[in-house]
Amino acid sequence: MEQSTRLHFLLEKLVEGNAGEEELAELSDLAGQDASGITPEVLEGLAGPDLAYFSAKYDREKWMSVAGKILASDKLSTREQPLVPRTRILRRLRWAAAAAMLAAVALGGYWWLQPSGNQPIAGNREILPGSNKALLTLGDGSVIPLDSTGNQVIRQGKTAIYRQNGRLQYDAAAAGQEHVYNTLATPRGGQYQVMLPDGSKVWLNAASTLRYPTSFSDTARLVELTGEGYFEIQALARASKTRIPFRVKVGDMVVEVLGTHFNIMAYSDEQAARTTLLEGSVRVSQHNAGQTLRPGEQAIVTSSQNIHVIKEVDVSEVTAWKNGIFQFNRTGLRAAMRQLARWYDVEVVYESNVPDVEFYGKMQRELNLQEALRILEKSGVHFRVEGRKIIVTSN
């Protein structure tokens, strides 16, 4: 495989978050060599189908020039620079690749975003991305901090809770035992996974909580969610072979499933709760109204108590957070900044005359805040960081 083709393949894997350890090591080694094998055409190809969306909307010569500047500013030659630790090389590569992938739709015009050299965002303190961390509140009220480090077995009555590799797993040893409720809460800047006693899996996004029993009855399974969670529900049946429903309660909304994959986003600072179905079937109900979803559909529940169903949505955009990506599809400035605020645990304020901007594209959630903001600035909006506050400006 030619070097340019191989680099294209490795960078594409990196951007998508699917690069394994061997591929990361190979990419790190290649990054320490002359990167002239990556042509603007190769970098352009990284955009894949996203580029087709803008096929009639952008200046190809300008993009080629931008791509060349990206490569020139980010290639690392061992003949010109001292040896750079692998983690720093990969971090720079991820940032460059993310910048090449992310496009913005601003004030009716289209731009491909690119790094802005070494020009820093105002504010000297580096703000790191979120990580696997949460608080587990047991039935007796005791609180256990959780993160990605260490393995632990937590005993709660007859139930064992295994903490391993940034995930909780429940093992209900006694059927029919008294139901004790636990609460898993992620802070702003945190995320966590849990496998419930029935084998169902839940991924919690930042600033979210899940309340659930340590064992389920043979008649119903009910959990309560605030914030955002992605669910993979294990189908269960009674001895009579009738299925045991699984319900997620979000305020006065209830999502009922039998066995399926779906995402619920219901933050208090969003205008609506959104339930998106990936596999199977769910019914979304509020008071006396309900709608049944098919895969690829989304139910939107507003404070007016109406349920509106969108027939086709981009489920990859909805679940991008679970895969370590910010994915925008004509996402408004304020909606995008709410995502950043929760993930980086920052406050966002707006000065007057901020342009009405929409974003289209992807970038890794593992970028630090300043790197992410430098990418977004190519839309014509600007940022200043003061402590843990982002100030959005027009200049």
Protein backbone atom coordinates (compact mmCIF):
# COMPACT_ATOMS: atom_id res chain seq x y z
CA MET A 1 0.00 0.00 0.00
CA GLU A 2 1.41 3.40 -0.99
CA GLN A 3 2.31 5.74 1.85
CA SER A 4 -0.38 8.30 0.97
CA THR A 5 -3.05 5.59 0.82
CA ARG A 6 -1.91 4.10 4.11
CA LEU A 7 -1.87 7.51 5.81
CA HIS A 8 -5.34 8.20 4.44
CA PHE A 9 -6.56 4.92 5.92
CA LEU A 10 -4.97 5.52 9.32
CA LEU A 11 -6.15 9.11 9.61
CA GLU A 12 -9.68 8.08 8.66
CA LYS A 13 -9.63 5.43 11.40
CA LEU A 14 -8.34 8.05 13.83
CA VAL A 15 -11.06 10.57 13.00
CA GLU A 16 -13.78 7.93 13.35
CA GLY A 17 -12.37 6.77 16.70
CA ASN A 18 -11.77 3.21 15.44
CA ALA A 19 -7.97 3.14 15.44
CA GLY A 20 -6.48 0.29 17.49
CA GLU A 21 -3.23 0.34 19.43
CA GLU A 22 -1.16 -1.02 16.52
CA GLU A 23 -2.67 1.50 14.11
CA LEU A 24 -2.04 4.36 16.55
CA ALA A 25 1.56 3.24 16.94
CA GLU A 26 2.02 3.08 13.15
CA LEU A 27 0.44 6.50 12.70
CA SER A 28 2.69 7.92 15.41
CA ASP A 29 5.76 6.55 13.63
CA LEU A 30 4.61 7.91 10.27
CA ALA A 31 3.96 11.30 11.84
CA GLY A 32 7.63 11.49 12.80
CA GLN A 33 8.60 11.15 9.15
CA ASP A 34 8.18 13.49 6.20
CA ALA A 35 4.42 13.79 5.71
CA SER A 36 4.67 15.01 2.13
CA GLY A 37 2.96 11.81 1.01
CA ILE A 38 -0.35 13.22 2.19
CA THR A 39 -1.60 15.41 -0.64
CA PRO A 40 -4.49 17.85 -0.41
CA GLU A 41 -6.50 15.34 -2.45
CA VAL A 42 -5.90 12.70 0.24
CA LEU A 43 -6.93 15.07 3.01
CA GLU A 44 -9.98 16.09 1.00
CA GLY A 45 -10.93 12.43 0.76
CA LEU A 46 -11.07 12.18 4.54
CA ALA A 47 -14.32 14.12 4.47
CA GLY A 48 -15.97 11.22 2.64
CA PRO A 49 -19.72 11.65 2.13
CA ASP A 50 -19.76 14.88 4.14
CA LEU A 51 -17.88 16.57 1.30
CA ALA A 52 -20.60 15.63 -1.20
CA TYR A 53 -23.04 17.69 0.84
CA PHE A 54 -21.05 20.79 -0.07
CA SER A 55 -20.10 19.73 -3.60
CA ALA A 56 -21.86 22.72 -5.12
CA LYS A 57 -21.29 25.07 -2.21
CA TYR A 58 -17.54 25.53 -1.83
CA ASP A 59 -14.50 26.77 -3.74
CA ARG A 60 -12.33 23.72 -4.49
CA GLU A 61 -9.16 25.75 -5.12
CA LYS A 62 -9.57 27.55 -1.80
CA TRP A 63 -10.10 24.21 -0.04
CA MET A 64 -6.97 22.75 -1.65
CA SER A 65 -4.99 25.74 -0.42
CA VAL A 66 -6.46 25.34 3.08
CA ALA A 67 -5.67 21.63 3.08
CA GLY A 68 -2.10 22.31 2.10
CA LYS A 69 -1.71 24.78 4.95
CA ILE A 70 -3.10 22.23 7.40
CA LEU A 71 -0.54 19.69 6.27
CA ALA A 72 2.31 22.19 6.29
CA SER A 73 1.49 23.36 9.82
CA ASP A 74 0.96 19.92 11.33
CA LYS A 75 3.47 17.55 9.74
CA LEU A 76 6.27 16.59 12.10
CA SER A 77 9.67 15.97 10.53
CA THR A 78 12.37 14.33 12.65
CA ARG A 79 14.97 16.09 10.54
CA GLU A 80 13.67 19.49 11.66
CA GLN A 81 12.28 18.92 15.15
CA PRO A 82 13.32 17.04 18.28
CA LEU A 83 11.60 13.78 19.09
CA VAL A 84 8.03 14.41 20.21
CA PRO A 85 6.33 11.98 22.64
CA ARG A 86 3.78 9.74 20.93
CA THR A 87 0.87 11.11 22.95
CA ARG A 88 1.62 14.64 21.78
CA ILE A 89 1.98 13.52 18.15
CA LEU A 90 -1.36 11.71 18.23
CA ARG A 91 -3.02 14.64 19.94
CA ARG A 92 -1.86 17.03 17.23
CA LEU A 93 -2.92 14.60 14.52
CA ARG A 94 -6.39 14.23 16.03
CA TRP A 95 -6.76 18.00 16.20
CA ALA A 96 -5.61 18.50 12.61
CA ALA A 97 -7.87 15.72 11.35
CA ALA A 98 -10.84 17.09 13.29
CA ALA A 99 -10.23 20.55 11.88
CA ALA A 100 -10.14 19.16 8.36
CA MET A 101 -13.42 17.31 8.92
CA LEU A 102 -15.47 20.07 10.51
CA ALA A 103 -17.46 22.42 8.29
CA ALA A 104 -19.52 25.44 9.32
CA VAL A 105 -22.60 27.04 7.86
CA ALA A 106 -22.47 30.69 8.89
CA LEU A 107 -24.61 33.62 7.81
CA GLY A 108 -25.67 31.77 4.67
CA GLY A 109 -22.08 30.96 3.58
CA TYR A 110 -20.08 27.72 3.72
CA TRP A 111 -16.52 27.30 4.97
CA TRP A 112 -14.29 24.32 5.67
CA LEU A 113 -12.66 24.86 9.05
CA GLN A 114 -8.90 24.62 9.46
CA PRO A 115 -6.44 25.19 12.31
CA SER A 116 -5.52 28.79 12.98
CA GLY A 117 -1.81 28.18 13.49
CA ASN A 118 -0.56 28.67 17.03
CA GLN A 119 -2.77 31.66 17.78
CA PRO A 120 -4.26 30.89 21.22
CA ILE A 121 -7.76 31.52 22.45
CA ALA A 122 -7.65 34.35 24.98
CA GLY A 123 -7.07 32.80 28.41
CA ASN A 124 -3.98 30.87 29.43
CA ARG A 125 -5.42 27.99 31.41
CA GLU A 126 -5.86 24.75 29.49
CA ILE A 127 -9.29 23.22 30.09
CA LEU A 128 -9.30 19.46 29.57
CA PRO A 129 -12.19 17.41 28.19
CA GLY A 130 -14.49 15.33 30.34
CA SER A 131 -13.72 11.78 31.44
CA ASN A 132 -15.25 8.68 33.03
CA LYS A 133 -16.41 9.86 36.44
CA ALA A 134 -19.60 9.68 38.45
CA LEU A 135 -21.06 9.38 41.94
CA LEU A 136 -22.88 6.21 43.00
CA THR A 137 -25.42 6.69 45.78
CA LEU A 138 -26.38 3.43 47.50
CA GLY A 139 -29.66 2.58 49.18
CA ASP A 140 -28.33 3.51 52.62
CA GLY A 141 -27.35 6.99 51.40
CA SER A 142 -23.61 6.37 51.21
CA VAL A 143 -21.87 7.92 48.19
CA ILE A 144 -19.01 6.29 46.28
CA PRO A 145 -16.91 8.33 43.79
CA LEU A 146 -16.24 6.47 40.53
CA ASP A 147 -13.67 6.95 37.78
CA SER A 148 -11.72 4.83 35.28
CA THR A 149 -9.03 3.66 37.68
CA GLY A 150 -8.99 0.57 39.84
CA ASN A 151 -11.30 -2.42 40.22
CA GLN A 152 -13.66 -2.84 43.14
CA VAL A 153 -16.47 -5.06 44.40
CA ILE A 154 -19.18 -3.20 46.29
CA ARG A 155 -21.51 -5.28 48.48
CA GLN A 156 -25.05 -4.11 49.06
CA GLY A 157 -27.18 -6.71 50.81
CA LYS A 158 -27.21 -9.78 48.56
CA THR A 159 -26.21 -7.77 45.51
CA ALA A 160 -22.63 -7.47 44.28
CA ILE A 161 -21.66 -4.41 42.24
CA TYR A 162 -18.51 -4.76 40.17
CA ARG A 163 -16.59 -1.63 39.25
CA GLN A 164 -14.13 -2.24 36.43
CA ASN A 165 -12.62 -0.19 33.59
CA GLY A 166 -14.95 2.77 34.02
CA ARG A 167 -18.13 0.70 34.19
CA LEU A 168 -20.47 -0.70 36.83
CA GLN A 169 -22.00 -4.15 36.57
CA TYR A 170 -24.72 -5.50 38.86
CA ASP A 171 -25.16 -9.11 39.87
CA ALA A 172 -28.44 -9.68 41.72
CA ALA A 173 -27.79 -12.97 43.49
CA ALA A 174 -31.22 -13.41 45.04
CA ALA A 175 -34.38 -13.26 42.95
CA GLY A 176 -37.31 -11.56 44.65
CA GLN A 177 -35.16 -9.77 47.22
CA GLU A 178 -36.29 -6.38 48.53
CA HIS A 179 -35.71 -3.71 45.90
CA VAL A 180 -33.08 -1.19 46.92
CA TYR A 181 -32.64 1.84 44.70
CA ASN A 182 -29.27 3.19 43.59
CA THR A 183 -28.55 6.44 41.77
CA LEU A 184 -25.70 6.91 39.31
CA ALA A 185 -24.96 10.60 38.67
CA THR A 186 -22.41 12.05 36.25
CA PRO A 187 -21.23 15.63 36.83
CA ARG A 188 -20.62 18.20 34.12
CA GLY A 189 -17.44 16.95 32.49
CA GLY A 190 -18.21 13.29 33.25
CA GLN A 191 -19.70 10.19 31.65
CA TYR A 192 -20.17 6.60 32.82
CA GLN A 193 -21.56 3.17 31.90
CA VAL A 194 -23.63 0.73 33.91
CA MET A 195 -24.89 -2.79 33.28
CA LEU A 196 -28.15 -3.21 35.17
CA PRO A 197 -29.13 -6.43 36.99
CA ASP A 198 -31.19 -7.63 34.00
CA GLY A 199 -28.20 -7.29 31.64
CA SER A 200 -29.40 -4.04 30.06
CA LYS A 201 -26.63 -1.50 29.36
CA VAL A 202 -26.85 2.26 29.86
CA TRP A 203 -24.35 4.96 28.87
CA LEU A 204 -24.81 8.25 30.75
CA ASN A 205 -23.70 11.51 29.17
CA ALA A 206 -22.46 14.48 31.22
CA ALA A 207 -24.73 16.07 33.85
CA SER A 208 -27.12 13.11 33.93
CA THR A 209 -28.62 10.79 36.56
CA LEU A 210 -30.11 7.31 36.45
CA ARG A 211 -32.14 5.90 39.35
CA TYR A 212 -32.76 2.14 39.28
CA PRO A 213 -33.38 -0.86 41.55
CA THR A 214 -30.63 -3.35 42.35
CA SER A 215 -32.96 -6.14 41.21
CA PHE A 216 -36.03 -6.10 39.00
CA SER A 217 -39.36 -7.81 39.66
CA ASP A 218 -40.82 -10.38 37.29
CA THR A 219 -43.64 -8.02 36.33
CA ALA A 220 -41.99 -4.74 35.35
CA ARG A 221 -38.66 -2.92 35.02
CA LEU A 222 -38.63 0.81 35.71
CA VAL A 223 -35.75 3.33 35.85
CA GLU A 224 -35.73 7.14 36.03
CA LEU A 225 -33.51 9.39 33.93
CA THR A 226 -32.52 13.04 33.85
CA GLY A 227 -30.09 14.40 31.29
CA GLU A 228 -29.07 12.03 28.49
CA GLY A 229 -28.62 8.28 28.26
CA TYR A 230 -28.16 5.63 25.58
CA PHE A 231 -29.90 2.32 26.32
CA GLU A 232 -29.41 -1.24 25.07
CA ILE A 233 -32.24 -3.20 26.66
CA GLN A 234 -32.05 -6.92 27.34
CA ALA A 235 -35.30 -8.70 26.42
CA LEU A 236 -36.66 -10.74 29.35
CA ALA A 237 -39.66 -13.05 29.65
CA ARG A 238 -41.66 -14.42 32.56
CA ALA A 239 -42.18 -18.13 33.13
CA SER A 240 -45.39 -17.73 31.14
CA LYS A 241 -43.20 -16.53 28.23
CA THR A 242 -44.82 -13.09 28.21
CA ARG A 243 -42.20 -10.39 27.95
CA ILE A 244 -41.33 -8.12 30.87
CA PRO A 245 -41.54 -4.49 29.74
CA PHE A 246 -38.77 -2.00 30.44
CA ARG A 247 -39.79 1.60 31.13
CA VAL A 248 -37.75 4.77 31.39
CA LYS A 249 -39.45 7.63 33.25
CA VAL A 250 -38.32 11.15 32.35
CA GLY A 251 -40.41 13.65 34.26
CA ASP A 252 -43.99 13.03 33.12
CA MET A 253 -42.84 11.23 29.97
CA VAL A 254 -42.49 7.44 29.84
CA VAL A 255 -40.62 5.41 27.22
CA GLU A 256 -41.66 1.75 27.14
CA VAL A 257 -39.67 -0.96 25.37
CA LEU A 258 -39.36 -4.73 25.21
CA GLY A 259 -35.86 -5.13 23.81
CA THR A 260 -34.19 -2.42 21.79
CA HIS A 261 -31.52 0.29 21.41
CA PHE A 262 -32.49 3.95 21.86
CA ASN A 263 -31.26 7.33 23.08
CA ILE A 264 -33.06 9.80 25.34
CA MET A 265 -31.91 13.41 25.60
CA ALA A 266 -33.89 15.38 28.19
CA TYR A 267 -31.74 18.10 29.74
CA SER A 268 -33.55 20.80 31.67
CA ASP A 269 -31.85 23.53 29.60
CA GLU A 270 -33.14 22.10 26.31
CA GLN A 271 -36.52 23.07 24.89
CA ALA A 272 -37.71 19.48 24.37
CA ALA A 273 -37.02 15.88 25.32
CA ARG A 274 -35.96 13.75 22.37
CA THR A 275 -36.23 9.96 22.18
CA THR A 276 -34.47 8.42 19.19
CA LEU A 277 -34.87 4.76 18.22
CA LEU A 278 -32.02 2.78 16.65
CA GLU A 279 -33.35 -0.79 16.85
CA GLY A 280 -36.60 -2.48 17.83
CA SER A 281 -39.68 -0.55 18.89
CA VAL A 282 -40.56 1.90 21.67
CA ARG A 283 -43.69 3.77 22.71
CA VAL A 284 -43.30 7.31 24.01
CA SER A 285 -46.16 8.48 26.22
CA GLN A 286 -47.06 11.62 28.11
CA HIS A 287 -50.29 11.77 30.09
CA ASN A 288 -52.95 10.27 27.81
CA ALA A 289 -51.08 10.65 24.51
CA GLY A 290 -48.57 8.25 23.00
CA GLN A 291 -46.61 7.51 19.83
CA THR A 292 -44.84 4.31 18.72
CA LEU A 293 -41.47 4.73 17.01
CA ARG A 294 -39.76 2.70 14.34
CA PRO A 295 -35.97 2.56 13.83
CA GLY A 296 -34.58 5.89 12.63
CA GLU A 297 -37.46 7.92 14.07
CA GLN A 298 -37.38 10.50 16.87
CA ALA A 299 -40.14 11.64 19.23
CA ILE A 300 -39.96 15.22 20.48
CA VAL A 301 -41.88 16.05 23.66
CA THR A 302 -42.24 19.72 24.54
CA SER A 303 -43.52 21.49 27.61
CA SER A 304 -46.81 22.01 25.79
CA GLN A 305 -47.35 18.26 26.24
CA ASN A 306 -47.43 17.57 22.52
CA ILE A 307 -45.56 14.61 21.02
CA HIS A 308 -44.14 15.24 17.57
CA VAL A 309 -42.50 12.42 15.60
CA ILE A 310 -39.76 13.05 13.05
CA LYS A 311 -39.78 10.18 10.58
CA GLU A 312 -36.10 10.22 9.64
CA VAL A 313 -33.18 11.45 11.71
CA ASP A 314 -29.42 10.92 11.57
CA VAL A 315 -28.98 8.46 14.43
CA SER A 316 -25.19 8.72 14.17
CA GLU A 317 -25.47 12.39 15.13
CA VAL A 318 -27.73 11.56 18.08
CA THR A 319 -25.38 8.91 19.49
CA ALA A 320 -22.09 10.57 18.51
CA TRP A 321 -21.45 11.58 22.15
CA LYS A 322 -21.37 7.89 23.14
CA ASN A 323 -18.64 7.29 20.54
CA GLY A 324 -16.47 10.19 21.69
CA ILE A 325 -17.48 12.68 18.98
CA PHE A 326 -19.19 16.04 18.67
CA GLN A 327 -21.28 15.75 15.51
CA PHE A 328 -23.12 18.77 14.18
CA ASN A 329 -25.72 18.86 11.40
CA ARG A 330 -26.84 22.47 10.99
CA THR A 331 -26.55 22.77 14.76
CA GLY A 332 -27.12 26.29 16.05
CA LEU A 333 -24.45 28.14 18.01
CA ARG A 334 -26.27 28.04 21.34
CA ALA A 335 -27.16 24.35 21.00
CA ALA A 336 -23.54 23.50 20.19
CA MET A 337 -22.25 25.58 23.09
CA ARG A 338 -24.62 23.79 25.50
CA GLN A 339 -22.93 20.53 24.49
CA LEU A 340 -19.48 22.00 25.10
CA ALA A 341 -20.55 23.52 28.42
CA ARG A 342 -21.69 20.15 29.76
CA TRP A 343 -18.65 18.24 28.52
CA TYR A 344 -15.97 20.72 29.59
CA ASP A 345 -17.81 21.86 32.74
CA VAL A 346 -17.79 25.55 31.81
CA GLU A 347 -20.21 28.45 31.77
CA VAL A 348 -21.08 30.16 28.47
CA VAL A 349 -22.06 33.82 28.20
CA TYR A 350 -22.79 35.86 25.07
CA GLU A 351 -21.83 39.40 24.20
CA SER A 352 -24.08 41.48 21.95
CA ASN A 353 -24.13 41.14 18.17
CA VAL A 354 -22.99 37.49 18.11
CA PRO A 355 -23.66 36.16 14.58
CA ASP A 356 -26.33 33.55 13.93
CA VAL A 357 -24.09 30.56 13.18
CA GLU A 358 -24.80 26.92 12.37
CA PHE A 359 -22.23 24.12 12.38
CA TYR A 360 -21.93 21.03 10.22
CA GLY A 361 -19.25 18.37 10.80
CA LYS A 362 -17.42 16.38 13.45
CA MET A 363 -14.65 16.77 16.01
CA GLN A 364 -13.29 14.57 18.77
CA ARG A 365 -14.55 15.05 22.31
CA GLU A 366 -11.03 14.37 23.59
CA LEU A 367 -9.76 17.74 22.31
CA ASN A 368 -9.09 20.24 25.05
CA LEU A 369 -11.45 23.21 25.13
CA GLN A 370 -9.07 25.67 23.50
CA GLU A 371 -8.48 23.30 20.57
CA ALA A 372 -12.21 22.83 20.06
CA LEU A 373 -12.87 26.57 20.17
CA ARG A 374 -10.10 27.30 17.64
CA ILE A 375 -11.89 25.00 15.21
CA LEU A 376 -15.28 26.57 15.80
CA GLU A 377 -13.89 30.07 15.37
CA LYS A 378 -13.63 29.53 11.61
CA SER A 379 -17.40 30.04 11.45
CA GLY A 380 -16.99 33.77 12.11
CA VAL A 381 -17.71 33.70 15.83
CA HIS A 382 -14.98 34.23 18.44
CA PHE A 383 -14.34 33.17 22.01
CA ARG A 384 -12.55 34.41 25.09
CA VAL A 385 -11.90 32.11 28.07
CA GLU A 386 -11.80 33.56 31.59
CA GLY A 387 -11.31 30.86 34.21
CA ARG A 388 -14.05 28.34 33.47
CA LYS A 389 -16.18 30.82 31.55
CA ILE A 390 -16.43 31.00 27.74
CA ILE A 391 -17.38 34.44 26.47
CA VAL A 392 -18.79 34.32 22.94
CA THR A 393 -17.97 37.45 20.95
CA SER A 394 -18.36 38.74 17.41
CA ASN A 395 -14.75 39.91 17.08
